[in-house]
Amino acid sequence: MTDLAQAIARFPEGYSEGLYQGRRYRIEKTTHTAGRSVKLYARDLGGTDVISLNLYHLGSGDIAKPCEMPLAKVQAFVLGVTPVPRSA
């Protein structure tokens, strides 16, 4: 499993929040096809920044497909975001 796939795995399924570069993001993770496909979508709650990625787990390895943005931007976010615990 790649570093990117391991970092995505730490996000819970569904809705969560995280801090990245001093901004709070809404993060949504959905898993499809028996875990072989993961979609990650994040939006800056105070602005317009968006992160969107599809990650495919194949027999030959993981393939990351960012949605209309550089892979480096997605990697920096996923590896650098700090999850925010949900309030009770």
Protein backbone atom coordinates (compact mmCIF):
# COMPACT_ATOMS: atom_id res chain seq x y z
CA MET A 1 0.00 0.00 0.00
CA THR A 2 1.36 3.43 -0.91
CA ASP A 3 1.86 6.27 1.58
CA LEU A 4 -1.08 8.06 -0.04
CA ALA A 5 -3.35 5.01 0.34
CA GLN A 6 -2.28 4.60 3.99
CA ALA A 7 -3.01 8.27 4.70
CA ILE A 8 -6.45 8.03 3.07
CA ALA A 9 -7.20 4.88 5.10
CA ARG A 10 -6.97 6.88 8.35
CA PHE A 11 -10.03 8.95 7.39
CA PRO A 12 -13.33 7.49 8.55
CA GLU A 13 -15.94 6.48 6.00
CA GLY A 14 -18.39 9.33 5.41
CA TYR A 15 -18.00 12.82 6.85
CA SER A 16 -15.11 14.16 8.92
CA GLU A 17 -13.19 17.41 9.31
CA GLY A 18 -9.52 18.31 9.27
CA LEU A 19 -7.12 21.23 9.56
CA TYR A 20 -4.71 22.02 6.76
CA GLN A 21 -2.52 25.12 6.50
CA GLY A 22 -4.56 26.83 9.20
CA ARG A 23 -7.92 26.22 7.48
CA ARG A 24 -10.71 23.82 8.39
CA TYR A 25 -11.87 21.35 5.71
CA ARG A 26 -14.96 19.20 5.37
CA ILE A 27 -13.78 15.75 4.21
CA GLU A 28 -15.94 13.06 2.66
CA LYS A 29 -14.66 9.57 1.98
CA THR A 30 -16.64 6.88 0.21
CA THR A 31 -15.48 3.37 -0.59
CA HIS A 32 -16.83 1.40 -3.56
CA THR A 33 -16.44 -1.99 -5.28
CA ALA A 34 -15.60 -3.99 -2.16
CA GLY A 35 -12.82 -1.58 -1.16
CA ARG A 36 -11.09 -1.46 -4.54
CA SER A 37 -12.08 2.17 -5.17
CA VAL A 38 -12.01 5.11 -2.76
CA LYS A 39 -13.25 8.65 -3.42
CA LEU A 40 -11.96 11.49 -1.25
CA TYR A 41 -13.46 14.97 -1.49
CA ALA A 42 -12.53 17.91 0.74
CA ARG A 43 -13.71 21.52 0.73
CA ASP A 44 -12.30 24.48 2.62
CA LEU A 45 -15.12 25.54 4.97
CA GLY A 46 -14.06 29.18 4.90
CA GLY A 47 -13.09 29.51 1.26
CA THR A 48 -13.13 27.94 -2.16
CA ASP A 49 -10.30 25.39 -2.10
CA VAL A 50 -11.29 21.86 -3.13
CA ILE A 51 -9.44 18.53 -3.06
CA SER A 52 -10.84 15.60 -5.06
CA LEU A 53 -9.30 12.22 -5.73
CA ASN A 54 -10.21 8.70 -6.80
CA LEU A 55 -7.86 5.97 -5.59
CA TYR A 56 -7.98 2.53 -7.18
CA HIS A 57 -6.48 -0.54 -5.49
CA LEU A 58 -5.39 -2.90 -8.28
CA GLY A 59 -3.45 -6.14 -8.20
CA SER A 60 -0.46 -4.29 -9.62
CA GLY A 61 -0.65 -1.50 -7.01
CA ASP A 62 -2.53 1.69 -6.24
CA ILE A 63 -3.44 4.25 -8.88
CA ALA A 64 -4.35 7.79 -7.81
CA LYS A 65 -6.51 9.87 -10.16
CA PRO A 66 -6.95 13.45 -8.97
CA CYS A 67 -9.96 15.31 -10.36
CA GLU A 68 -8.82 18.36 -12.36
CA MET A 69 -5.86 19.22 -10.13
CA PRO A 70 -2.22 18.21 -9.81
CA LEU A 71 -1.48 15.01 -7.91
CA ALA A 72 1.10 16.93 -5.85
CA LYS A 73 -1.67 19.17 -4.45
CA VAL A 74 -3.72 16.14 -3.40
CA GLN A 75 -0.71 14.38 -1.87
CA ALA A 76 0.29 17.48 0.11
CA PHE A 77 -3.24 17.76 1.51
CA VAL A 78 -3.77 14.08 2.34
CA LEU A 79 -0.33 13.71 3.95
CA GLY A 80 -0.51 17.08 5.75
CA VAL A 81 -4.09 17.36 7.01
CA THR A 82 -4.72 16.87 10.73
CA PRO A 83 -8.03 15.16 11.54
CA VAL A 84 -10.31 17.09 13.90
CA PRO A 85 -12.06 14.85 16.46
CA ARG A 86 -15.86 14.98 16.33
CA SER A 87 -17.55 16.67 19.27
CA ALA A 88 -19.78 14.55 21.46
